[in-house]
Amino acid sequence: MADGLQRVLLVGDAKKGGSAELVSRYAAWFRDRGIATDEVTDRDLPLHDRAADCVVVWGGDGSLLAAARRMAENQRPTLGINRGRLGFLTSFEDEDSERALELLLRGELCEDQRLMFRCHVEVGDGSRGNVLGLNDVVVSRAGAGGMIIVRVRRGDAEIGLFRGDGVIVATATGSTAYSMAAGGPVLAPDLDAVVLTPLASHSLSARPVVISMGAGLDLEVVEIGDMPYAYVIVDGQVQVQVTVGSRLTVRPAPMRFRHLVQSPRQFFDVLRAKFGFAGMARSEGERP
């Protein structure tokens, strides 16, 4: 990563305390080392048109997901530094910012390429939406107005009708988010696969199922209970109201999220440390 590193895009959120000052401070830090910077602290600005060799994002997992979407087709190697709560996707904590940037400059970080997808939504009234995502697509009822029914197909094969509060389609990256909280399995991040996780299913036999992404999935909203609409939510951030008959396609995107991590084993290290996976979460200072 250090070879040819001439310009770095620094991303923060001015609405979160101290982020703008942090971005400004490290912009000066890079310039002192002969590297040009661009800084964005407005969360609504696109990032695809910013010239940079790599991107550094200060924030939580949501900030990193938003940055991936804002970069669109122009994905660059991206380093996440946690200023949120959990920080599962981010590679370093806030207090380790300078060490993280030193490793970046020395070319000692690894690039972990993650599957991205495009979710195309066609609502019953004819309106359409197209959203780039990294984590998951959730089809969910709008409130306490009865269950909804969602049909899921893959090519000519019908996977099933999901009756309940909805269904999650999660990538390997998203398998440690809402899907895991709803009882879905954890997928290794290098898998080009998705997990379909039912939400409060009205069936004892409904279980999460893992399938390869392949050419993608097709979903149809069959029933929405007593409410006038249901929701489609991408990466927990982009929300679309849908009605009966609305259709969704989830297709692999041609680009990958270029995630910078400390080592190839970091995913499993963080899984154990922050989620207590396969045992108890380690106490601070406890040796592996």
Protein backbone atom coordinates (compact mmCIF):
# COMPACT_ATOMS: atom_id res chain seq x y z
CA MET A 1 0.00 0.00 0.00
CA ALA A 2 2.87 2.39 0.72
CA ASP A 3 4.22 2.11 -2.84
CA GLY A 4 2.90 5.05 -4.84
CA LEU A 5 0.87 6.47 -1.96
CA GLN A 6 0.53 10.13 -2.88
CA ARG A 7 -2.93 11.23 -1.76
CA VAL A 8 -5.19 10.04 1.07
CA LEU A 9 -8.89 10.75 1.53
CA LEU A 10 -9.77 11.32 5.21
CA VAL A 11 -13.42 10.82 6.16
CA GLY A 12 -15.21 11.78 9.36
CA ASP A 13 -18.62 13.00 10.47
CA ALA A 14 -18.84 16.60 11.67
CA LYS A 15 -22.10 15.74 13.48
CA LYS A 16 -20.16 13.45 15.80
CA GLY A 17 -18.16 15.28 18.43
CA GLY A 18 -14.49 15.76 17.67
CA SER A 19 -14.47 14.06 14.26
CA ALA A 20 -13.80 17.20 12.22
CA GLU A 21 -10.90 18.18 14.48
CA LEU A 22 -9.50 14.65 14.26
CA VAL A 23 -9.60 14.67 10.47
CA SER A 24 -7.94 18.09 10.37
CA ARG A 25 -5.19 16.99 12.76
CA TYR A 26 -4.29 13.90 10.75
CA ALA A 27 -4.47 15.81 7.48
CA ALA A 28 -1.61 17.92 8.87
CA TRP A 29 0.11 14.71 10.02
CA PHE A 30 0.08 13.33 6.47
CA ARG A 31 1.19 16.61 4.92
CA ASP A 32 4.17 16.72 7.29
CA ARG A 33 5.20 13.43 5.69
CA GLY A 34 4.85 14.71 2.13
CA ILE A 35 1.46 13.14 1.36
CA ALA A 36 -1.44 15.20 0.03
CA THR A 37 -4.89 14.82 1.58
CA ASP A 38 -8.53 15.47 0.87
CA GLU A 39 -10.95 15.74 3.79
CA VAL A 40 -14.71 15.06 3.90
CA THR A 41 -16.68 15.54 7.12
CA ASP A 42 -20.16 15.98 5.59
CA ARG A 43 -21.85 12.58 5.83
CA ASP A 44 -24.07 13.30 2.81
CA LEU A 45 -21.33 14.05 0.29
CA PRO A 46 -20.39 11.35 -2.26
CA LEU A 47 -16.86 9.99 -2.23
CA HIS A 48 -16.61 8.37 -5.67
CA ASP A 49 -15.37 11.57 -7.31
CA ARG A 50 -12.54 12.26 -4.84
CA ALA A 51 -9.05 11.52 -6.11
CA ALA A 52 -7.16 9.36 -3.61
CA ASP A 53 -4.97 6.28 -3.42
CA CYS A 54 -6.65 5.11 -0.22
CA VAL A 55 -9.33 6.15 2.26
CA VAL A 56 -9.23 6.44 6.06
CA VAL A 57 -12.60 6.53 7.87
CA TRP A 58 -13.05 7.55 11.52
CA GLY A 59 -16.32 6.30 12.95
CA GLY A 60 -18.13 3.08 13.76
CA ASP A 61 -19.17 0.20 11.53
CA GLY A 62 -22.02 2.32 10.15
CA SER A 63 -19.56 4.97 8.99
CA LEU A 64 -17.53 2.33 7.17
CA LEU A 65 -20.65 0.88 5.50
CA ALA A 66 -21.73 4.36 4.42
CA ALA A 67 -18.25 5.10 3.03
CA ALA A 68 -18.38 1.92 0.93
CA ARG A 69 -21.74 2.98 -0.52
CA ARG A 70 -20.57 6.58 -1.10
CA MET A 71 -17.50 5.39 -3.02
CA ALA A 72 -19.81 3.56 -5.46
CA GLU A 73 -17.86 2.08 -8.39
CA ASN A 74 -14.64 3.82 -7.34
CA GLN A 75 -13.64 1.61 -4.41
CA ARG A 76 -10.24 2.35 -2.88
CA PRO A 77 -8.31 0.51 -0.13
CA THR A 78 -10.15 1.65 3.00
CA LEU A 79 -8.98 1.71 6.62
CA GLY A 80 -11.60 2.02 9.36
CA ILE A 81 -10.70 3.47 12.77
CA ASN A 82 -13.34 2.96 15.44
CA ARG A 83 -14.99 5.90 17.18
CA GLY A 84 -18.28 4.07 17.66
CA ARG A 85 -19.41 1.42 20.12
CA LEU A 86 -18.67 -2.10 18.89
CA GLY A 87 -16.37 -1.48 15.94
CA PHE A 88 -16.38 -5.00 14.51
CA LEU A 89 -15.54 -3.98 10.92
CA THR A 90 -13.11 -1.22 11.80
CA SER A 91 -9.49 -2.38 12.10
CA PHE A 92 -8.20 -0.12 14.90
CA GLU A 93 -9.50 1.76 17.90
CA ASP A 94 -9.43 5.56 18.05
CA GLU A 95 -6.48 5.68 20.48
CA ASP A 96 -4.41 3.64 18.00
CA SER A 97 -4.92 6.08 15.10
CA GLU A 98 -1.29 7.08 14.74
CA ARG A 99 -0.03 3.50 14.87
CA ALA A 100 -2.62 2.53 12.24
CA LEU A 101 -1.50 5.32 9.93
CA GLU A 102 2.16 4.44 10.40
CA LEU A 103 1.39 0.84 9.38
CA LEU A 104 -0.50 2.20 6.37
CA LEU A 105 2.49 4.28 5.28
CA ARG A 106 4.88 1.35 5.74
CA GLY A 107 2.67 -0.92 3.63
CA GLU A 108 2.14 -3.35 6.51
CA LEU A 109 -1.66 -3.67 6.26
CA CYS A 110 -3.46 -6.42 4.33
CA GLU A 111 -6.22 -5.84 1.80
CA ASP A 112 -9.28 -8.03 2.41
CA GLN A 113 -11.70 -7.83 -0.54
CA ARG A 114 -15.36 -8.20 0.39
CA LEU A 115 -18.42 -9.04 -1.70
CA MET A 116 -20.73 -6.10 -2.43
CA PHE A 117 -24.21 -6.20 -3.96
CA ARG A 118 -26.78 -4.06 -5.71
CA CYS A 119 -30.35 -4.15 -4.47
CA HIS A 120 -32.89 -3.08 -7.09
CA VAL A 121 -36.36 -2.37 -5.68
CA GLU A 122 -39.46 -2.12 -7.85
CA VAL A 123 -42.43 -0.95 -5.79
CA GLY A 124 -46.01 -1.85 -6.65
CA ASP A 125 -46.75 1.71 -7.85
CA GLY A 126 -44.00 1.48 -10.47
CA SER A 127 -41.36 3.53 -8.64
CA ARG A 128 -37.86 2.09 -8.50
CA GLY A 129 -34.70 2.31 -6.44
CA ASN A 130 -31.18 0.95 -6.80
CA VAL A 131 -28.86 0.77 -3.76
CA LEU A 132 -25.28 -0.43 -3.40
CA GLY A 133 -24.68 -2.43 -0.23
CA LEU A 134 -22.08 -4.39 1.70
CA ASN A 135 -23.84 -5.84 4.75
CA ASP A 136 -27.44 -6.90 4.26
CA VAL A 137 -30.91 -6.38 2.85
CA VAL A 138 -33.80 -6.64 5.32
CA VAL A 139 -37.44 -6.98 4.31
CA SER A 140 -39.40 -6.19 7.47
CA ARG A 141 -42.94 -5.48 8.56
CA ALA A 142 -43.62 -1.85 9.37
CA GLY A 143 -45.08 -2.34 12.85
CA ALA A 144 -47.29 -4.48 15.06
CA GLY A 145 -49.80 -5.13 12.32
CA GLY A 146 -49.52 -8.86 11.71
CA MET A 147 -46.96 -10.95 9.87
CA ILE A 148 -45.70 -10.40 6.36
CA ILE A 149 -44.90 -13.00 3.70
CA VAL A 150 -41.83 -12.78 1.47
CA ARG A 151 -41.09 -15.18 -1.38
CA VAL A 152 -37.40 -15.80 -2.18
CA ARG A 153 -36.18 -17.32 -5.43
CA ARG A 154 -32.77 -18.09 -6.91
CA GLY A 155 -33.05 -18.43 -10.64
CA ASP A 156 -35.85 -20.90 -11.39
CA ALA A 157 -35.75 -22.39 -7.90
CA GLU A 158 -38.07 -21.15 -5.16
CA ILE A 159 -36.20 -21.22 -1.87
CA GLY A 160 -39.28 -20.58 0.21
CA LEU A 161 -42.00 -18.37 1.59
CA PHE A 162 -40.92 -16.60 4.78
CA ARG A 163 -43.84 -15.87 7.09
CA GLY A 164 -43.22 -13.71 10.13
CA ASP A 165 -41.61 -10.34 10.81
CA GLY A 166 -39.54 -10.57 7.62
CA VAL A 167 -36.29 -11.96 6.27
CA ILE A 168 -32.63 -10.89 6.16
CA VAL A 169 -30.33 -11.47 3.20
CA ALA A 170 -26.82 -11.02 4.64
CA THR A 171 -23.42 -11.27 3.01
CA ALA A 172 -20.49 -12.79 4.86
CA THR A 173 -19.62 -9.27 6.02
CA GLY A 174 -23.19 -8.74 7.25
CA SER A 175 -23.45 -12.17 8.88
CA THR A 176 -22.05 -10.74 12.14
CA ALA A 177 -24.68 -7.97 12.27
CA TYR A 178 -28.51 -8.18 12.38
CA SER A 179 -28.51 -11.72 10.98
CA MET A 180 -26.36 -13.04 13.83
CA ALA A 181 -28.58 -11.30 16.38
CA ALA A 182 -31.56 -13.07 14.77
CA GLY A 183 -29.91 -16.49 15.10
CA GLY A 184 -28.04 -16.71 11.80
CA PRO A 185 -24.59 -18.29 11.40
CA VAL A 186 -21.28 -16.46 11.02
CA LEU A 187 -19.76 -16.70 7.54
CA ALA A 188 -16.03 -16.37 6.90
CA PRO A 189 -15.45 -13.03 5.14
CA ASP A 190 -13.89 -14.49 1.99
CA LEU A 191 -17.05 -16.45 1.09
CA ASP A 192 -19.12 -15.23 -1.87
CA ALA A 193 -22.25 -16.41 -0.10
CA VAL A 194 -25.34 -15.07 1.61
CA VAL A 195 -27.37 -16.28 4.56
CA LEU A 196 -31.17 -16.05 4.51
CA THR A 197 -32.27 -15.52 8.11
CA PRO A 198 -35.99 -15.50 9.00
CA LEU A 199 -37.21 -12.84 11.43
CA ALA A 200 -39.57 -14.22 14.10
CA SER A 201 -40.80 -16.87 11.69
CA HIS A 202 -44.32 -18.24 12.12
CA SER A 203 -43.00 -21.74 11.51
CA LEU A 204 -41.02 -24.17 13.65
CA SER A 205 -39.19 -25.47 10.58
CA ALA A 206 -37.90 -22.13 9.27
CA ARG A 207 -34.14 -21.97 9.77
CA PRO A 208 -31.34 -19.83 8.34
CA VAL A 209 -29.91 -21.17 5.10
CA VAL A 210 -26.53 -20.39 3.50
CA ILE A 211 -26.26 -20.33 -0.29
CA SER A 212 -23.69 -19.05 -2.76
CA MET A 213 -24.46 -15.62 -4.14
CA GLY A 214 -24.20 -16.93 -7.69
CA ALA A 215 -26.23 -14.74 -10.02
CA GLY A 216 -28.20 -13.33 -7.08
CA LEU A 217 -31.63 -13.61 -5.50
CA ASP A 218 -35.15 -12.42 -6.29
CA LEU A 219 -37.62 -11.48 -3.56
CA GLU A 220 -41.31 -10.67 -3.75
CA VAL A 221 -43.51 -9.10 -1.05
CA VAL A 222 -46.60 -11.33 -1.00
CA GLU A 223 -48.44 -10.03 2.09
CA ILE A 224 -47.85 -7.12 4.49
CA GLY A 225 -50.42 -7.73 7.24
CA ASP A 226 -52.57 -4.85 8.46
CA MET A 227 -50.07 -2.11 7.63
CA PRO A 228 -50.20 -0.17 4.33
CA TYR A 229 -46.54 -0.96 3.58
CA ALA A 230 -43.46 -2.90 4.68
CA TYR A 231 -39.82 -1.83 4.66
CA VAL A 232 -36.75 -2.75 2.65
CA ILE A 233 -33.61 -1.63 4.49
CA VAL A 234 -30.09 -1.83 3.03
CA ASP A 235 -27.13 -1.88 5.44
CA GLY A 236 -29.38 -0.47 8.18
CA GLN A 237 -29.18 2.95 6.51
CA VAL A 238 -31.22 3.18 3.31
CA GLN A 239 -34.93 2.55 3.82
CA VAL A 240 -37.63 2.09 1.16
CA GLN A 241 -41.36 1.56 1.71
CA VAL A 242 -42.77 -1.35 -0.30
CA THR A 243 -46.28 -2.67 -0.88
CA VAL A 244 -47.80 -6.02 -1.89
CA GLY A 245 -46.39 -7.10 -5.22
CA SER A 246 -43.13 -5.20 -4.81
CA ARG A 247 -40.07 -7.03 -6.14
CA LEU A 248 -36.42 -6.92 -5.19
CA THR A 249 -33.35 -8.24 -6.90
CA VAL A 250 -30.08 -8.70 -5.03
CA ARG A 251 -27.16 -9.08 -7.44
CA PRO A 252 -23.38 -9.25 -6.89
CA ALA A 253 -21.79 -5.89 -7.66
CA PRO A 254 -18.87 -5.78 -10.11
CA MET A 255 -16.66 -4.06 -7.52
CA ARG A 256 -15.37 -5.25 -4.14
CA PHE A 257 -15.01 -3.40 -0.87
CA ARG A 258 -11.25 -3.16 -0.34
CA HIS A 259 -10.99 -3.55 3.42
CA LEU A 260 -7.60 -2.85 5.04
CA VAL A 261 -6.93 -5.06 8.07
CA GLN A 262 -4.01 -5.76 10.37
CA SER A 263 -3.65 -9.40 9.31
CA PRO A 264 -5.59 -12.14 7.51
CA ARG A 265 -6.60 -13.60 10.88
CA GLN A 266 -8.06 -10.36 12.23
CA PHE A 267 -11.68 -11.36 11.54
CA PHE A 268 -11.42 -14.36 13.87
CA ASP A 269 -9.36 -12.47 16.45
CA VAL A 270 -12.07 -9.80 16.70
CA LEU A 271 -14.83 -12.44 16.66
CA ARG A 272 -13.33 -14.01 19.79
CA ALA A 273 -12.40 -10.75 21.50
CA LYS A 274 -15.63 -8.79 20.98
CA PHE A 275 -18.27 -11.54 20.67
CA GLY A 276 -16.73 -14.28 22.83
CA PHE A 277 -16.95 -16.65 19.85
CA ALA A 278 -16.09 -20.29 20.66
CA GLY A 279 -15.50 -19.41 24.30
CA MET A 280 -15.45 -16.39 26.58
CA ALA A 281 -14.48 -12.87 25.51
CA ARG A 282 -10.98 -12.09 26.72
CA SER A 283 -10.39 -9.63 29.50
CA GLU A 284 -8.30 -6.56 28.72
CA GLY A 285 -4.62 -7.47 28.80
CA GLU A 286 -5.25 -11.24 28.71
CA ARG A 287 -2.81 -13.02 26.43
CA PRO A 288 -4.12 -15.07 23.47
